[in-house]
Amino acid sequence: MEKKKDEETREKIPEGIRVKVIPVNLGNLDREYVNFAHVNHGESEFTIDFVDVAPPTEFEIEKVLKKGEVEVPMKFRLVCNTLFVERLIAALEDNLRKFRAKAKKDE
């Protein structure tokens, strides 16, 4: 019940109001490197599982080729509502556009 109320509160932030992320001591912040995400969705939520896929070692390659898949442990799971997913996609697209523009300028 509390989770639902929290989601409703976040969705009521008026359009155009910025959310300021307060810097914390990054030395104490858990960070994970990921290079693959598996996305699923239900009626009202998206689930994104993040993993770090590394090439198989020489000892694993035969098993991988026989099985046809690589098993990797999940680093973390993000569960979010559809409104957040829409905003996340927009933010990622905006930042990717800026990154590409800067990279092109630096060439």
C-alpha atoms as a PDB file:
ATOM      1  CA  MET A   1       0.000   0.000   0.000  1.00  0.00           C
ATOM      2  CA  GLU A   2       2.807   2.404   0.950  1.00  0.00           C
ATOM      3  CA  LYS A   3       4.610   1.682  -2.351  1.00  0.00           C
ATOM      4  CA  LYS A   4       1.502   2.608  -4.373  1.00  0.00           C
ATOM      5  CA  LYS A   5       1.089   5.881  -2.426  1.00  0.00           C
ATOM      6  CA  ASP A   6       4.764   6.749  -3.021  1.00  0.00           C
ATOM      7  CA  GLU A   7       4.378   6.147  -6.785  1.00  0.00           C
ATOM      8  CA  GLU A   8       1.263   8.334  -6.921  1.00  0.00           C
ATOM      9  CA  THR A   9       3.095  11.153  -5.117  1.00  0.00           C
ATOM     10  CA  ARG A  10       6.021  11.029  -7.560  1.00  0.00           C
ATOM     11  CA  GLU A  11       3.680  11.048 -10.559  1.00  0.00           C
ATOM     12  CA  LYS A  12       2.023  14.252  -9.286  1.00  0.00           C
ATOM     13  CA  ILE A  13       5.178  16.371  -9.639  1.00  0.00           C
ATOM     14  CA  PRO A  14       4.007  19.131 -12.005  1.00  0.00           C
ATOM     15  CA  GLU A  15       5.402  19.219 -15.526  1.00  0.00           C
ATOM     16  CA  GLY A  16       8.340  21.608 -15.801  1.00  0.00           C
ATOM     17  CA  ILE A  17       9.434  21.196 -12.173  1.00  0.00           C
ATOM     18  CA  ARG A  18      13.019  19.950 -12.005  1.00  0.00           C
ATOM     19  CA  VAL A  19      14.090  17.296  -9.558  1.00  0.00           C
ATOM     20  CA  LYS A  20      17.486  18.245  -8.153  1.00  0.00           C
ATOM     21  CA  VAL A  21      19.683  15.273  -7.276  1.00  0.00           C
ATOM     22  CA  ILE A  22      21.729  16.113  -4.202  1.00  0.00           C
ATOM     23  CA  PRO A  23      25.383  15.004  -4.428  1.00  0.00           C
ATOM     24  CA  VAL A  24      26.419  12.383  -1.926  1.00  0.00           C
ATOM     25  CA  ASN A  25      29.748  10.908  -0.981  1.00  0.00           C
ATOM     26  CA  LEU A  26      30.347   8.784  -4.092  1.00  0.00           C
ATOM     27  CA  GLY A  27      32.896   6.731  -2.158  1.00  0.00           C
ATOM     28  CA  ASN A  28      30.028   5.217  -0.156  1.00  0.00           C
ATOM     29  CA  LEU A  29      27.633   4.836  -3.092  1.00  0.00           C
ATOM     30  CA  ASP A  30      27.207   1.344  -4.542  1.00  0.00           C
ATOM     31  CA  ARG A  31      27.970   1.349  -8.259  1.00  0.00           C
ATOM     32  CA  GLU A  32      27.844  -1.508 -10.722  1.00  0.00           C
ATOM     33  CA  TYR A  33      29.158  -1.761 -14.272  1.00  0.00           C
ATOM     34  CA  VAL A  34      26.619  -3.283 -16.661  1.00  0.00           C
ATOM     35  CA  ASN A  35      26.629  -3.838 -20.407  1.00  0.00           C
ATOM     36  CA  PHE A  36      23.366  -5.698 -20.968  1.00  0.00           C
ATOM     37  CA  ALA A  37      19.774  -5.216 -19.882  1.00  0.00           C
ATOM     38  CA  HIS A  38      16.787  -7.526 -20.172  1.00  0.00           C
ATOM     39  CA  VAL A  39      13.485  -5.633 -20.276  1.00  0.00           C
ATOM     40  CA  ASN A  40      10.058  -7.027 -19.427  1.00  0.00           C
ATOM     41  CA  HIS A  41       6.719  -5.413 -18.664  1.00  0.00           C
ATOM     42  CA  GLY A  42       3.381  -6.196 -17.090  1.00  0.00           C
ATOM     43  CA  GLU A  43       0.157  -4.242 -17.155  1.00  0.00           C
ATOM     44  CA  SER A  44       1.489  -1.263 -15.195  1.00  0.00           C
ATOM     45  CA  GLU A  45       5.213  -1.815 -14.540  1.00  0.00           C
ATOM     46  CA  PHE A  46       8.452  -2.360 -16.384  1.00  0.00           C
ATOM     47  CA  THR A  47      11.194  -4.605 -15.029  1.00  0.00           C
ATOM     48  CA  ILE A  48      14.767  -4.080 -16.197  1.00  0.00           C
ATOM     49  CA  ASP A  49      17.393  -6.641 -15.172  1.00  0.00           C
ATOM     50  CA  PHE A  50      20.979  -5.410 -15.497  1.00  0.00           C
ATOM     51  CA  VAL A  51      23.964  -7.716 -16.001  1.00  0.00           C
ATOM     52  CA  ASP A  52      27.630  -7.585 -16.955  1.00  0.00           C
ATOM     53  CA  VAL A  53      28.191 -10.047 -19.790  1.00  0.00           C
ATOM     54  CA  ALA A  54      31.821 -11.060 -20.180  1.00  0.00           C
ATOM     55  CA  PRO A  55      33.201 -13.329 -22.902  1.00  0.00           C
ATOM     56  CA  PRO A  56      33.392 -16.963 -21.773  1.00  0.00           C
ATOM     57  CA  THR A  57      36.766 -18.216 -20.598  1.00  0.00           C
ATOM     58  CA  GLU A  58      38.561 -20.956 -22.482  1.00  0.00           C
ATOM     59  CA  PHE A  59      37.263 -23.396 -19.849  1.00  0.00           C
ATOM     60  CA  GLU A  60      33.637 -22.291 -20.373  1.00  0.00           C
ATOM     61  CA  ILE A  61      33.591 -22.026 -24.161  1.00  0.00           C
ATOM     62  CA  GLU A  62      32.758 -25.687 -24.856  1.00  0.00           C
ATOM     63  CA  LYS A  63      29.826 -25.623 -22.406  1.00  0.00           C
ATOM     64  CA  VAL A  64      28.592 -22.324 -23.867  1.00  0.00           C
ATOM     65  CA  LEU A  65      28.755 -23.575 -27.439  1.00  0.00           C
ATOM     66  CA  LYS A  66      26.979 -26.824 -26.524  1.00  0.00           C
ATOM     67  CA  LYS A  67      24.249 -25.073 -24.533  1.00  0.00           C
ATOM     68  CA  GLY A  68      23.894 -22.115 -26.923  1.00  0.00           C
ATOM     69  CA  GLU A  69      23.709 -19.555 -24.132  1.00  0.00           C
ATOM     70  CA  VAL A  70      25.800 -17.808 -21.530  1.00  0.00           C
ATOM     71  CA  GLU A  71      24.557 -17.716 -17.954  1.00  0.00           C
ATOM     72  CA  VAL A  72      25.365 -14.481 -16.149  1.00  0.00           C
ATOM     73  CA  PRO A  73      24.366 -13.338 -12.667  1.00  0.00           C
ATOM     74  CA  MET A  74      22.012 -10.372 -12.425  1.00  0.00           C
ATOM     75  CA  LYS A  75      23.635  -7.273 -10.916  1.00  0.00           C
ATOM     76  CA  PHE A  76      20.356  -5.596  -9.999  1.00  0.00           C
ATOM     77  CA  ARG A  77      16.712  -5.231 -10.992  1.00  0.00           C
ATOM     78  CA  LEU A  78      14.865  -1.972 -11.564  1.00  0.00           C
ATOM     79  CA  VAL A  79      11.065  -2.005 -11.310  1.00  0.00           C
ATOM     80  CA  CYS A  80       9.314   1.180 -12.392  1.00  0.00           C
ATOM     81  CA  ASN A  81       5.998   2.540 -13.591  1.00  0.00           C
ATOM     82  CA  THR A  82       5.323   3.412 -17.225  1.00  0.00           C
ATOM     83  CA  LEU A  83       5.473   7.172 -16.665  1.00  0.00           C
ATOM     84  CA  PHE A  84       8.991   6.838 -15.277  1.00  0.00           C
ATOM     85  CA  VAL A  85      10.019   4.676 -18.256  1.00  0.00           C
ATOM     86  CA  GLU A  86       8.784   7.356 -20.668  1.00  0.00           C
ATOM     87  CA  ARG A  87      10.747  10.035 -18.796  1.00  0.00           C
ATOM     88  CA  LEU A  88      13.834   7.810 -18.607  1.00  0.00           C
ATOM     89  CA  ILE A  89      13.772   7.176 -22.354  1.00  0.00           C
ATOM     90  CA  ALA A  90      13.412  10.915 -23.048  1.00  0.00           C
ATOM     91  CA  ALA A  91      16.316  11.729 -20.700  1.00  0.00           C
ATOM     92  CA  LEU A  92      18.531   9.034 -22.239  1.00  0.00           C
ATOM     93  CA  GLU A  93      17.734  10.209 -25.783  1.00  0.00           C
ATOM     94  CA  ASP A  94      18.505  13.825 -24.829  1.00  0.00           C
ATOM     95  CA  ASN A  95      21.799  12.901 -23.183  1.00  0.00           C
ATOM     96  CA  LEU A  96      22.821  10.601 -26.041  1.00  0.00           C
ATOM     97  CA  ARG A  97      22.115  13.393 -28.538  1.00  0.00           C
ATOM     98  CA  LYS A  98      24.291  15.799 -26.496  1.00  0.00           C
ATOM     99  CA  PHE A  99      27.046  13.172 -26.152  1.00  0.00           C
ATOM    100  CA  ARG A 100      27.102  12.547 -29.921  1.00  0.00           C
ATOM    101  CA  ALA A 101      27.123  16.277 -30.705  1.00  0.00           C
ATOM    102  CA  LYS A 102      30.076  16.830 -28.379  1.00  0.00           C
ATOM    103  CA  ALA A 103      31.943  13.786 -29.722  1.00  0.00           C
ATOM    104  CA  LYS A 104      31.417  15.012 -33.283  1.00  0.00           C
ATOM    105  CA  LYS A 105      32.672  18.487 -32.323  1.00  0.00           C
ATOM    106  CA  ASP A 106      35.783  16.952 -30.684  1.00  0.00           C
ATOM    107  CA  GLU A 107      36.764  15.019 -33.857  1.00  0.00           C
END
